[in-house]
Amino acid sequence: MAPTVLITGASQGSGKATAILFASKGYDVVMVARQPERLAAAAAQVQREGTSAVAIPGDVGDIQQVRAIVQKALDACGNIDVLVNNAGICLTGGS
């Protein structure tokens, strides 16, 4: 059984790059992000590395969604060996 990594903010940028890196090292990848379309595209890219990629849309700013995300990840993969808590936002403007 391959180790499993759960990555938040995984649909683009450093989260997606981290998912691809873990996949290239043989990890099964659980990817979480708020935008389902981007997340699905990123998961398809990770799957091309030859490992499992599970896409779970959700907002880690909502504790109820976090609980559901973890349960879905455990149901899909059986375990979570590594957590990369990468989700974040960038606010610009204002003073």
C-alpha atoms as a PDB file:
ATOM      1  CA  MET A   1       0.000   0.000   0.000  1.00  0.00           C
ATOM      2  CA  ALA A   2       1.398   3.380  -1.021  1.00  0.00           C
ATOM      3  CA  PRO A   3       1.603   6.163   1.559  1.00  0.00           C
ATOM      4  CA  THR A   4      -1.064   8.848   1.273  1.00  0.00           C
ATOM      5  CA  VAL A   5      -0.675  12.618   1.382  1.00  0.00           C
ATOM      6  CA  LEU A   6      -3.583  15.040   1.831  1.00  0.00           C
ATOM      7  CA  ILE A   7      -2.900  18.479   0.366  1.00  0.00           C
ATOM      8  CA  THR A   8      -5.150  21.503   0.853  1.00  0.00           C
ATOM      9  CA  GLY A   9      -5.134  24.329  -1.663  1.00  0.00           C
ATOM     10  CA  ALA A  10      -4.167  21.730  -4.250  1.00  0.00           C
ATOM     11  CA  SER A  11      -5.876  23.028  -7.401  1.00  0.00           C
ATOM     12  CA  GLN A  12      -3.139  25.427  -8.492  1.00  0.00           C
ATOM     13  CA  GLY A  13       0.216  26.982  -7.660  1.00  0.00           C
ATOM     14  CA  SER A  14       2.382  25.486  -4.936  1.00  0.00           C
ATOM     15  CA  GLY A  15      -0.359  23.083  -3.811  1.00  0.00           C
ATOM     16  CA  LYS A  16      -0.657  21.535  -7.264  1.00  0.00           C
ATOM     17  CA  ALA A  17       3.131  21.415  -7.640  1.00  0.00           C
ATOM     18  CA  THR A  18       3.394  19.686  -4.264  1.00  0.00           C
ATOM     19  CA  ALA A  19       0.779  17.131  -5.333  1.00  0.00           C
ATOM     20  CA  ILE A  20       2.719  16.370  -8.519  1.00  0.00           C
ATOM     21  CA  LEU A  21       5.955  16.019  -6.537  1.00  0.00           C
ATOM     22  CA  PHE A  22       4.431  13.583  -4.025  1.00  0.00           C
ATOM     23  CA  ALA A  23       2.853  11.598  -6.869  1.00  0.00           C
ATOM     24  CA  SER A  24       6.232  11.342  -8.594  1.00  0.00           C
ATOM     25  CA  LYS A  25       7.590   9.822  -5.365  1.00  0.00           C
ATOM     26  CA  GLY A  26       4.879   7.135  -5.352  1.00  0.00           C
ATOM     27  CA  TYR A  27       2.368   8.645  -2.929  1.00  0.00           C
ATOM     28  CA  ASP A  28      -1.368   8.388  -3.376  1.00  0.00           C
ATOM     29  CA  VAL A  29      -2.623  11.966  -3.304  1.00  0.00           C
ATOM     30  CA  VAL A  30      -5.796  13.427  -1.804  1.00  0.00           C
ATOM     31  CA  MET A  31      -6.314  16.910  -3.188  1.00  0.00           C
ATOM     32  CA  VAL A  32      -8.594  19.473  -1.540  1.00  0.00           C
ATOM     33  CA  ALA A  33      -9.605  22.888  -2.894  1.00  0.00           C
ATOM     34  CA  ARG A  34     -12.650  25.115  -3.179  1.00  0.00           C
ATOM     35  CA  GLN A  35     -12.904  25.224  -6.991  1.00  0.00           C
ATOM     36  CA  PRO A  36     -14.115  21.837  -8.288  1.00  0.00           C
ATOM     37  CA  GLU A  37     -13.243  22.434 -11.957  1.00  0.00           C
ATOM     38  CA  ARG A  38      -9.645  23.458 -11.268  1.00  0.00           C
ATOM     39  CA  LEU A  39      -9.324  20.669  -8.729  1.00  0.00           C
ATOM     40  CA  ALA A  40     -10.494  18.028 -11.217  1.00  0.00           C
ATOM     41  CA  ALA A  41      -8.021  19.274 -13.834  1.00  0.00           C
ATOM     42  CA  ALA A  42      -5.172  19.237 -11.308  1.00  0.00           C
ATOM     43  CA  ALA A  43      -6.107  15.720 -10.146  1.00  0.00           C
ATOM     44  CA  ALA A  44      -6.054  14.492 -13.751  1.00  0.00           C
ATOM     45  CA  GLN A  45      -2.545  15.903 -14.107  1.00  0.00           C
ATOM     46  CA  VAL A  46      -1.426  14.139 -10.916  1.00  0.00           C
ATOM     47  CA  GLN A  47      -2.914  10.843 -12.123  1.00  0.00           C
ATOM     48  CA  ARG A  48      -0.650  11.040 -15.168  1.00  0.00           C
ATOM     49  CA  GLU A  49       2.225  10.447 -12.715  1.00  0.00           C
ATOM     50  CA  GLY A  50       0.779   6.941 -12.310  1.00  0.00           C
ATOM     51  CA  THR A  51      -0.623   7.189  -8.791  1.00  0.00           C
ATOM     52  CA  SER A  52      -4.061   7.582  -7.298  1.00  0.00           C
ATOM     53  CA  ALA A  53      -5.399  11.125  -7.024  1.00  0.00           C
ATOM     54  CA  VAL A  54      -8.637  11.760  -5.161  1.00  0.00           C
ATOM     55  CA  ALA A  55     -10.192  15.210  -5.613  1.00  0.00           C
ATOM     56  CA  ILE A  56     -12.346  16.435  -2.732  1.00  0.00           C
ATOM     57  CA  PRO A  57     -13.879  19.889  -3.173  1.00  0.00           C
ATOM     58  CA  GLY A  58     -14.211  21.774   0.083  1.00  0.00           C
ATOM     59  CA  ASP A  59     -13.417  24.828   2.164  1.00  0.00           C
ATOM     60  CA  VAL A  60     -10.982  24.173   5.012  1.00  0.00           C
ATOM     61  CA  GLY A  61     -12.193  27.372   6.662  1.00  0.00           C
ATOM     62  CA  ASP A  62     -15.377  25.498   7.637  1.00  0.00           C
ATOM     63  CA  ILE A  63     -14.862  22.891  10.387  1.00  0.00           C
ATOM     64  CA  GLN A  64     -17.857  20.818   9.271  1.00  0.00           C
ATOM     65  CA  GLN A  65     -16.391  20.588   5.777  1.00  0.00           C
ATOM     66  CA  VAL A  66     -12.996  19.660   7.244  1.00  0.00           C
ATOM     67  CA  ARG A  67     -14.570  16.742   9.094  1.00  0.00           C
ATOM     68  CA  ALA A  68     -16.300  15.585   5.912  1.00  0.00           C
ATOM     69  CA  ILE A  69     -13.087  15.975   3.877  1.00  0.00           C
ATOM     70  CA  VAL A  70     -11.101  13.843   6.318  1.00  0.00           C
ATOM     71  CA  GLN A  71     -13.790  11.151   6.342  1.00  0.00           C
ATOM     72  CA  LYS A  72     -13.932  11.074   2.528  1.00  0.00           C
ATOM     73  CA  ALA A  73     -10.131  10.817   2.386  1.00  0.00           C
ATOM     74  CA  LEU A  74     -10.101   7.945   4.869  1.00  0.00           C
ATOM     75  CA  ASP A  75     -12.914   6.186   3.003  1.00  0.00           C
ATOM     76  CA  ALA A  76     -11.013   6.511  -0.279  1.00  0.00           C
ATOM     77  CA  CYS A  77      -7.481   5.711   0.902  1.00  0.00           C
ATOM     78  CA  GLY A  78      -7.721   4.046   4.299  1.00  0.00           C
ATOM     79  CA  ASN A  79      -5.152   6.315   5.926  1.00  0.00           C
ATOM     80  CA  ILE A  80      -3.448   9.710   5.763  1.00  0.00           C
ATOM     81  CA  ASP A  81       0.313   9.613   6.293  1.00  0.00           C
ATOM     82  CA  VAL A  82       1.208  13.223   5.471  1.00  0.00           C
ATOM     83  CA  LEU A  83      -0.750  16.486   5.674  1.00  0.00           C
ATOM     84  CA  VAL A  84       0.292  19.533   3.657  1.00  0.00           C
ATOM     85  CA  ASN A  85      -1.888  22.400   4.862  1.00  0.00           C
ATOM     86  CA  ASN A  86      -1.277  24.739   1.948  1.00  0.00           C
ATOM     87  CA  ALA A  87      -4.671  26.467   1.569  1.00  0.00           C
ATOM     88  CA  GLY A  88      -4.602  30.222   1.796  1.00  0.00           C
ATOM     89  CA  ILE A  89      -5.801  33.407   0.195  1.00  0.00           C
ATOM     90  CA  CYS A  90      -4.086  36.551  -0.960  1.00  0.00           C
ATOM     91  CA  LEU A  91      -5.849  39.804  -0.238  1.00  0.00           C
ATOM     92  CA  THR A  92      -4.753  42.937  -2.058  1.00  0.00           C
ATOM     93  CA  GLY A  93      -5.796  46.540  -2.050  1.00  0.00           C
ATOM     94  CA  GLY A  94      -7.053  48.724   0.725  1.00  0.00           C
ATOM     95  CA  SER A  95      -4.848  50.361   3.298  1.00  0.00           C
END
